[in-house]
Amino acid sequence: VFPSILSAKFEKLGTQVQEAEAAGCSGIHVDVMDGQFVPPITFGAPIVRAVRASTSLLIDVHMMVIDPDKHFEELAEAGANSITVHYEALTDVFEALEQLEYLGLRKSIAIRPHTEVHSLYPVLERLDQVLIMSVEPGYGGQKFIPQTIGKIKRLGSEISKQGVNVEIQVDGGINVDTISDVAKVGIDIAVVGSALFNDSFTVEEGFKSIMQAAEGIED
């Protein structure tokens, strides 16, 4: 489970990141939006730097921006370990992956709900991770799109067929009601927002509930 800091309380960011690490989260998901690829404008390198100061966990930056390659070096210097770029935002996929490799970053590509997974089959061997968006990127709190399950299955089959080591991450609408569905079809990482960062319970309680739901354990 990677918590999405888009749902964290900004004034308590460092504390909530530390709470997520203490609870057992294995990485931190940072959304970067430029107001063009998606409507909102959010975090950039300064927030990545602030998160890095609060944790030693892997920081995975999800770039929802036009011309993402212009920002790779700055994000790497700020402390990012993994960069996820949108397939739909790239003019040259191979060039972007080469840049990420040169900077020593994990290479990840995201696809929006309307983009088919077969678009990525030719580059799977170059990737460390594929992020399947289970909502339209840009806003938190959306409902999980059920067709995502089929996409995860198809991608998993192709990864096995090619014999490559690529993790599958899913992001959007993941909560105690939906995580078991994606866990069953073989994802590696679930990005979770308001089901972890919520005024109704602590981060630790949210994490425990998510993990129990993923494993099919009733309270």
C-alpha atoms as a PDB file:
ATOM      1  CA  VAL A   1       0.000   0.000   0.000  1.00  0.00           C
ATOM      2  CA  PHE A   2       1.279   3.449  -1.010  1.00  0.00           C
ATOM      3  CA  PRO A   3      -0.579   6.369   0.628  1.00  0.00           C
ATOM      4  CA  SER A   4      -1.474   9.253  -1.678  1.00  0.00           C
ATOM      5  CA  ILE A   5      -0.490  12.499   0.024  1.00  0.00           C
ATOM      6  CA  LEU A   6      -3.068  14.300  -2.110  1.00  0.00           C
ATOM      7  CA  SER A   7      -5.485  13.220   0.654  1.00  0.00           C
ATOM      8  CA  ALA A   8      -3.205  14.126   3.575  1.00  0.00           C
ATOM      9  CA  LYS A   9      -3.629  17.260   5.665  1.00  0.00           C
ATOM     10  CA  PHE A  10      -1.094  19.694   4.226  1.00  0.00           C
ATOM     11  CA  GLU A  11      -0.333  21.329   7.564  1.00  0.00           C
ATOM     12  CA  LYS A  12       0.466  17.894   9.056  1.00  0.00           C
ATOM     13  CA  LEU A  13       2.215  16.423   6.008  1.00  0.00           C
ATOM     14  CA  GLY A  14       5.438  15.339   7.715  1.00  0.00           C
ATOM     15  CA  THR A  15       3.579  13.784  10.636  1.00  0.00           C
ATOM     16  CA  GLN A  16       1.126  11.934   8.405  1.00  0.00           C
ATOM     17  CA  VAL A  17       3.923  10.575   6.209  1.00  0.00           C
ATOM     18  CA  GLN A  18       5.665   9.287   9.349  1.00  0.00           C
ATOM     19  CA  GLU A  19       2.395   7.775  10.579  1.00  0.00           C
ATOM     20  CA  ALA A  20       1.979   5.989   7.240  1.00  0.00           C
ATOM     21  CA  GLU A  21       5.503   4.574   7.494  1.00  0.00           C
ATOM     22  CA  ALA A  22       4.952   3.466  11.100  1.00  0.00           C
ATOM     23  CA  ALA A  23       1.666   1.787  10.126  1.00  0.00           C
ATOM     24  CA  GLY A  24       3.446  -0.375   7.546  1.00  0.00           C
ATOM     25  CA  CYS A  25       3.096   1.422   4.207  1.00  0.00           C
ATOM     26  CA  SER A  26       5.881   0.479   1.790  1.00  0.00           C
ATOM     27  CA  GLY A  27       6.141   3.732  -0.180  1.00  0.00           C
ATOM     28  CA  ILE A  28       4.666   7.219  -0.629  1.00  0.00           C
ATOM     29  CA  HIS A  29       2.704   8.318  -3.715  1.00  0.00           C
ATOM     30  CA  VAL A  30       3.071  11.987  -4.701  1.00  0.00           C
ATOM     31  CA  ASP A  31       0.788  13.400  -7.404  1.00  0.00           C
ATOM     32  CA  VAL A  32       2.236  16.194  -9.546  1.00  0.00           C
ATOM     33  CA  MET A  33      -0.313  18.020 -11.751  1.00  0.00           C
ATOM     34  CA  ASP A  34       0.273  21.012 -13.999  1.00  0.00           C
ATOM     35  CA  GLY A  35      -3.263  22.259 -14.695  1.00  0.00           C
ATOM     36  CA  GLN A  36      -2.906  21.241 -18.365  1.00  0.00           C
ATOM     37  CA  PHE A  37      -2.738  17.450 -18.640  1.00  0.00           C
ATOM     38  CA  VAL A  38      -5.395  17.437 -15.898  1.00  0.00           C
ATOM     39  CA  PRO A  39      -7.275  20.502 -14.575  1.00  0.00           C
ATOM     40  CA  PRO A  40      -5.878  20.784 -11.026  1.00  0.00           C
ATOM     41  CA  ILE A  41      -2.472  22.173 -10.105  1.00  0.00           C
ATOM     42  CA  THR A  42      -0.700  20.366  -7.263  1.00  0.00           C
ATOM     43  CA  PHE A  43       2.652  19.508  -5.777  1.00  0.00           C
ATOM     44  CA  GLY A  44       6.091  19.864  -7.313  1.00  0.00           C
ATOM     45  CA  ALA A  45       9.685  19.255  -6.257  1.00  0.00           C
ATOM     46  CA  PRO A  46       9.446  21.244  -2.954  1.00  0.00           C
ATOM     47  CA  ILE A  47       6.792  18.832  -1.654  1.00  0.00           C
ATOM     48  CA  VAL A  48       8.864  15.834  -2.735  1.00  0.00           C
ATOM     49  CA  ARG A  49      11.755  17.372  -0.781  1.00  0.00           C
ATOM     50  CA  ALA A  50       9.514  17.816   2.281  1.00  0.00           C
ATOM     51  CA  VAL A  51       8.311  14.206   2.069  1.00  0.00           C
ATOM     52  CA  ARG A  52      11.901  12.978   1.707  1.00  0.00           C
ATOM     53  CA  ALA A  53      12.852  14.868   4.873  1.00  0.00           C
ATOM     54  CA  SER A  54      10.131  12.941   6.738  1.00  0.00           C
ATOM     55  CA  THR A  55      10.750   9.382   5.539  1.00  0.00           C
ATOM     56  CA  SER A  56      13.229   6.903   4.111  1.00  0.00           C
ATOM     57  CA  LEU A  57      10.462   5.072   2.215  1.00  0.00           C
ATOM     58  CA  LEU A  58      10.412   4.875  -1.576  1.00  0.00           C
ATOM     59  CA  ILE A  59       8.832   8.006  -3.072  1.00  0.00           C
ATOM     60  CA  ASP A  60       6.868   7.352  -6.244  1.00  0.00           C
ATOM     61  CA  VAL A  61       6.020  10.544  -8.142  1.00  0.00           C
ATOM     62  CA  HIS A  62       2.972  10.294 -10.416  1.00  0.00           C
ATOM     63  CA  MET A  63       3.389  12.985 -13.075  1.00  0.00           C
ATOM     64  CA  MET A  64       0.133  14.187 -14.605  1.00  0.00           C
ATOM     65  CA  VAL A  65       1.814  16.871 -16.676  1.00  0.00           C
ATOM     66  CA  ILE A  66       2.585  17.913 -20.246  1.00  0.00           C
ATOM     67  CA  ASP A  67       6.292  17.419 -21.144  1.00  0.00           C
ATOM     68  CA  PRO A  68       7.117  15.410 -17.996  1.00  0.00           C
ATOM     69  CA  ASP A  69      10.750  14.863 -19.032  1.00  0.00           C
ATOM     70  CA  LYS A  70      11.531  18.532 -18.308  1.00  0.00           C
ATOM     71  CA  HIS A  71      11.113  17.809 -14.582  1.00  0.00           C
ATOM     72  CA  PHE A  72      12.856  14.429 -14.130  1.00  0.00           C
ATOM     73  CA  GLU A  73      16.185  15.792 -12.908  1.00  0.00           C
ATOM     74  CA  GLU A  74      14.640  18.256 -10.448  1.00  0.00           C
ATOM     75  CA  LEU A  75      12.418  15.534  -8.944  1.00  0.00           C
ATOM     76  CA  ALA A  76      15.342  13.122  -8.675  1.00  0.00           C
ATOM     77  CA  GLU A  77      17.387  15.771  -6.842  1.00  0.00           C
ATOM     78  CA  ALA A  78      14.424  16.403  -4.510  1.00  0.00           C
ATOM     79  CA  GLY A  79      14.469  12.754  -3.419  1.00  0.00           C
ATOM     80  CA  ALA A  80      12.149  10.833  -5.753  1.00  0.00           C
ATOM     81  CA  ASN A  81      13.048   7.161  -6.297  1.00  0.00           C
ATOM     82  CA  SER A  82      10.412   6.288  -8.870  1.00  0.00           C
ATOM     83  CA  ILE A  83       8.782   8.361 -11.602  1.00  0.00           C
ATOM     84  CA  THR A  84       5.463   7.461 -13.197  1.00  0.00           C
ATOM     85  CA  VAL A  85       4.737   9.255 -16.464  1.00  0.00           C
ATOM     86  CA  HIS A  86       1.527   9.085 -18.453  1.00  0.00           C
ATOM     87  CA  TYR A  87       1.662   7.208 -21.732  1.00  0.00           C
ATOM     88  CA  GLU A  88      -0.734   9.806 -23.135  1.00  0.00           C
ATOM     89  CA  ALA A  89       1.662  12.679 -22.292  1.00  0.00           C
ATOM     90  CA  LEU A  90       4.759  11.224 -23.960  1.00  0.00           C
ATOM     91  CA  THR A  91       5.904  12.045 -27.477  1.00  0.00           C
ATOM     92  CA  ASP A  92       8.821   9.590 -27.289  1.00  0.00           C
ATOM     93  CA  VAL A  93       8.363   6.773 -24.764  1.00  0.00           C
ATOM     94  CA  PHE A  94      11.835   5.285 -25.261  1.00  0.00           C
ATOM     95  CA  GLU A  95      13.600   8.630 -24.824  1.00  0.00           C
ATOM     96  CA  ALA A  96      11.739   9.286 -21.557  1.00  0.00           C
ATOM     97  CA  LEU A  97      12.659   5.828 -20.245  1.00  0.00           C
ATOM     98  CA  GLU A  98      16.307   6.377 -21.172  1.00  0.00           C
ATOM     99  CA  GLN A  99      16.350   9.630 -19.191  1.00  0.00           C
ATOM    100  CA  LEU A 100      14.843   7.936 -16.130  1.00  0.00           C
ATOM    101  CA  GLU A 101      17.369   5.114 -16.415  1.00  0.00           C
ATOM    102  CA  TYR A 102      20.253   7.595 -16.654  1.00  0.00           C
ATOM    103  CA  LEU A 103      19.044   9.289 -13.441  1.00  0.00           C
ATOM    104  CA  GLY A 104      18.843   5.923 -11.650  1.00  0.00           C
ATOM    105  CA  LEU A 105      15.073   6.131 -11.147  1.00  0.00           C
ATOM    106  CA  ARG A 106      12.475   3.369 -11.255  1.00  0.00           C
ATOM    107  CA  LYS A 107      10.687   3.577 -14.593  1.00  0.00           C
ATOM    108  CA  SER A 108       6.896   3.541 -14.517  1.00  0.00           C
ATOM    109  CA  ILE A 109       4.199   4.370 -17.062  1.00  0.00           C
ATOM    110  CA  ALA A 110       0.570   5.170 -16.229  1.00  0.00           C
ATOM    111  CA  ILE A 111      -2.467   4.752 -18.453  1.00  0.00           C
ATOM    112  CA  ARG A 112      -5.803   6.534 -18.147  1.00  0.00           C
ATOM    113  CA  PRO A 113      -9.046   4.495 -18.009  1.00  0.00           C
ATOM    114  CA  HIS A 114      -9.703   4.859 -21.760  1.00  0.00           C
ATOM    115  CA  THR A 115      -6.184   3.736 -22.804  1.00  0.00           C
ATOM    116  CA  GLU A 116      -5.857   0.010 -23.485  1.00  0.00           C
ATOM    117  CA  VAL A 117      -3.055  -1.943 -21.802  1.00  0.00           C
ATOM    118  CA  HIS A 118      -1.798  -3.408 -25.096  1.00  0.00           C
ATOM    119  CA  SER A 119      -0.359   0.063 -25.855  1.00  0.00           C
ATOM    120  CA  LEU A 120       2.381  -0.758 -23.329  1.00  0.00           C
ATOM    121  CA  TYR A 121       3.237  -4.293 -24.454  1.00  0.00           C
ATOM    122  CA  PRO A 122       6.148  -3.161 -26.706  1.00  0.00           C
ATOM    123  CA  VAL A 123       7.878  -1.363 -23.796  1.00  0.00           C
ATOM    124  CA  LEU A 124       7.149  -3.721 -20.885  1.00  0.00           C
ATOM    125  CA  GLU A 125      10.694  -5.104 -20.843  1.00  0.00           C
ATOM    126  CA  ARG A 126      12.012  -1.574 -20.226  1.00  0.00           C
ATOM    127  CA  LEU A 127       9.658  -0.861 -17.299  1.00  0.00           C
ATOM    128  CA  ASP A 128       9.756  -1.472 -13.559  1.00  0.00           C
ATOM    129  CA  GLN A 129       6.074  -0.685 -13.055  1.00  0.00           C
ATOM    130  CA  VAL A 130       2.776   0.008 -14.804  1.00  0.00           C
ATOM    131  CA  LEU A 131       0.178   2.196 -13.099  1.00  0.00           C
ATOM    132  CA  ILE A 132      -3.388   1.480 -14.142  1.00  0.00           C
ATOM    133  CA  MET A 133      -5.680   4.392 -13.328  1.00  0.00           C
ATOM    134  CA  SER A 134      -8.996   3.135 -11.972  1.00  0.00           C
ATOM    135  CA  VAL A 135     -10.528   6.639 -12.070  1.00  0.00           C
ATOM    136  CA  GLU A 136      -9.954   9.601 -14.387  1.00  0.00           C
ATOM    137  CA  PRO A 137      -6.748  11.266 -13.148  1.00  0.00           C
ATOM    138  CA  GLY A 138      -6.909  14.651 -11.491  1.00  0.00           C
ATOM    139  CA  TYR A 139      -9.196  14.466  -8.479  1.00  0.00           C
ATOM    140  CA  GLY A 140      -9.434  12.365  -5.322  1.00  0.00           C
ATOM    141  CA  GLY A 141     -12.616  10.744  -4.025  1.00  0.00           C
ATOM    142  CA  GLN A 142     -13.867   9.276  -7.333  1.00  0.00           C
ATOM    143  CA  LYS A 143     -15.529   5.871  -7.656  1.00  0.00           C
ATOM    144  CA  PHE A 144     -13.547   2.857  -8.832  1.00  0.00           C
ATOM    145  CA  ILE A 145     -14.161   1.944 -12.502  1.00  0.00           C
ATOM    146  CA  PRO A 146     -15.039  -1.810 -12.592  1.00  0.00           C
ATOM    147  CA  GLN A 147     -13.534  -2.352 -16.077  1.00  0.00           C
ATOM    148  CA  THR A 148     -10.129  -1.859 -14.426  1.00  0.00           C
ATOM    149  CA  ILE A 149     -10.235  -5.496 -13.258  1.00  0.00           C
ATOM    150  CA  GLY A 150     -10.120  -6.800 -16.838  1.00  0.00           C
ATOM    151  CA  LYS A 151      -7.208  -4.489 -17.663  1.00  0.00           C
ATOM    152  CA  ILE A 152      -5.228  -5.759 -14.677  1.00  0.00           C
ATOM    153  CA  LYS A 153      -5.840  -9.368 -15.739  1.00  0.00           C
ATOM    154  CA  ARG A 154      -4.760  -8.705 -19.334  1.00  0.00           C
ATOM    155  CA  LEU A 155      -1.640  -6.878 -18.222  1.00  0.00           C
ATOM    156  CA  GLY A 156      -0.740  -9.618 -15.735  1.00  0.00           C
ATOM    157  CA  SER A 157      -1.081 -12.259 -18.450  1.00  0.00           C
ATOM    158  CA  GLU A 158       1.176 -10.311 -20.823  1.00  0.00           C
ATOM    159  CA  ILE A 159       3.808  -9.752 -18.110  1.00  0.00           C
ATOM    160  CA  SER A 160       3.878 -13.527 -17.484  1.00  0.00           C
ATOM    161  CA  LYS A 161       3.973 -14.252 -21.220  1.00  0.00           C
ATOM    162  CA  GLN A 162       6.955 -11.931 -21.751  1.00  0.00           C
ATOM    163  CA  GLY A 163       8.679 -13.191 -18.594  1.00  0.00           C
ATOM    164  CA  VAL A 164       9.475  -9.672 -17.405  1.00  0.00           C
ATOM    165  CA  ASN A 165       9.658  -8.321 -13.863  1.00  0.00           C
ATOM    166  CA  VAL A 166       7.108  -5.478 -13.890  1.00  0.00           C
ATOM    167  CA  GLU A 167       4.990  -4.460 -10.908  1.00  0.00           C
ATOM    168  CA  ILE A 168       1.325  -3.540 -11.345  1.00  0.00           C
ATOM    169  CA  GLN A 169       0.077  -0.543  -9.400  1.00  0.00           C
ATOM    170  CA  VAL A 170      -3.555   0.598  -9.299  1.00  0.00           C
ATOM    171  CA  ASP A 171      -4.699   4.092  -8.320  1.00  0.00           C
ATOM    172  CA  GLY A 172      -8.184   5.531  -7.861  1.00  0.00           C
ATOM    173  CA  GLY A 173     -11.189   4.715  -5.712  1.00  0.00           C
ATOM    174  CA  ILE A 174      -9.303   2.126  -3.659  1.00  0.00           C
ATOM    175  CA  ASN A 175     -10.898   1.571  -0.257  1.00  0.00           C
ATOM    176  CA  VAL A 176     -12.091  -1.261   2.006  1.00  0.00           C
ATOM    177  CA  ASP A 177     -14.893  -2.064  -0.459  1.00  0.00           C
ATOM    178  CA  THR A 178     -12.746  -2.282  -3.602  1.00  0.00           C
ATOM    179  CA  ILE A 179      -9.277  -3.427  -2.548  1.00  0.00           C
ATOM    180  CA  SER A 180     -10.167  -7.124  -2.342  1.00  0.00           C
ATOM    181  CA  ASP A 181     -11.282  -7.075  -5.993  1.00  0.00           C
ATOM    182  CA  VAL A 182      -7.920  -5.757  -7.202  1.00  0.00           C
ATOM    183  CA  ALA A 183      -5.923  -7.872  -4.738  1.00  0.00           C
ATOM    184  CA  LYS A 184      -7.547 -11.040  -6.128  1.00  0.00           C
ATOM    185  CA  VAL A 185      -6.388 -10.335  -9.691  1.00  0.00           C
ATOM    186  CA  GLY A 186      -2.754  -9.837  -8.769  1.00  0.00           C
ATOM    187  CA  ILE A 187      -1.716  -6.230  -8.220  1.00  0.00           C
ATOM    188  CA  ASP A 188       1.529  -5.427  -6.429  1.00  0.00           C
ATOM    189  CA  ILE A 189       0.776  -1.925  -5.133  1.00  0.00           C
ATOM    190  CA  ALA A 190      -2.480  -0.156  -4.266  1.00  0.00           C
ATOM    191  CA  VAL A 191      -2.472   3.634  -4.004  1.00  0.00           C
ATOM    192  CA  VAL A 192      -4.838   4.654  -1.213  1.00  0.00           C
ATOM    193  CA  GLY A 193      -5.941   8.166  -0.304  1.00  0.00           C
ATOM    194  CA  SER A 194      -8.958   9.009   1.855  1.00  0.00           C
ATOM    195  CA  ALA A 195      -9.207   5.410   3.120  1.00  0.00           C
ATOM    196  CA  LEU A 196      -5.936   6.125   4.976  1.00  0.00           C
ATOM    197  CA  PHE A 197      -5.969   9.879   5.602  1.00  0.00           C
ATOM    198  CA  ASN A 198      -9.332  10.531   7.197  1.00  0.00           C
ATOM    199  CA  ASP A 199     -10.656  12.513  10.158  1.00  0.00           C
ATOM    200  CA  SER A 200     -12.755   9.504  11.240  1.00  0.00           C
ATOM    201  CA  PHE A 201      -9.787   7.230  12.083  1.00  0.00           C
ATOM    202  CA  THR A 202      -6.019   7.205  12.478  1.00  0.00           C
ATOM    203  CA  VAL A 203      -3.649   6.321   9.633  1.00  0.00           C
ATOM    204  CA  GLU A 204      -2.768   3.111  11.481  1.00  0.00           C
ATOM    205  CA  GLU A 205      -6.446   2.140  11.796  1.00  0.00           C
ATOM    206  CA  GLY A 206      -7.040   2.922   8.119  1.00  0.00           C
ATOM    207  CA  PHE A 207      -4.035   0.831   7.072  1.00  0.00           C
ATOM    208  CA  LYS A 208      -5.160  -2.113   9.207  1.00  0.00           C
ATOM    209  CA  SER A 209      -8.685  -1.975   7.735  1.00  0.00           C
ATOM    210  CA  ILE A 210      -7.320  -1.836   4.174  1.00  0.00           C
ATOM    211  CA  MET A 211      -4.972  -4.792   4.745  1.00  0.00           C
ATOM    212  CA  GLN A 212      -7.715  -6.860   6.371  1.00  0.00           C
ATOM    213  CA  ALA A 213     -10.065  -6.093   3.479  1.00  0.00           C
ATOM    214  CA  ALA A 214      -7.354  -7.023   0.957  1.00  0.00           C
ATOM    215  CA  GLU A 215      -6.891 -10.371   2.684  1.00  0.00           C
ATOM    216  CA  GLY A 216     -10.648 -10.934   3.024  1.00  0.00           C
ATOM    217  CA  ILE A 217     -10.634 -10.738   6.822  1.00  0.00           C
ATOM    218  CA  GLU A 218     -13.843  -9.551   8.461  1.00  0.00           C
ATOM    219  CA  ASP A 219     -13.620  -7.356  11.568  1.00  0.00           C
END
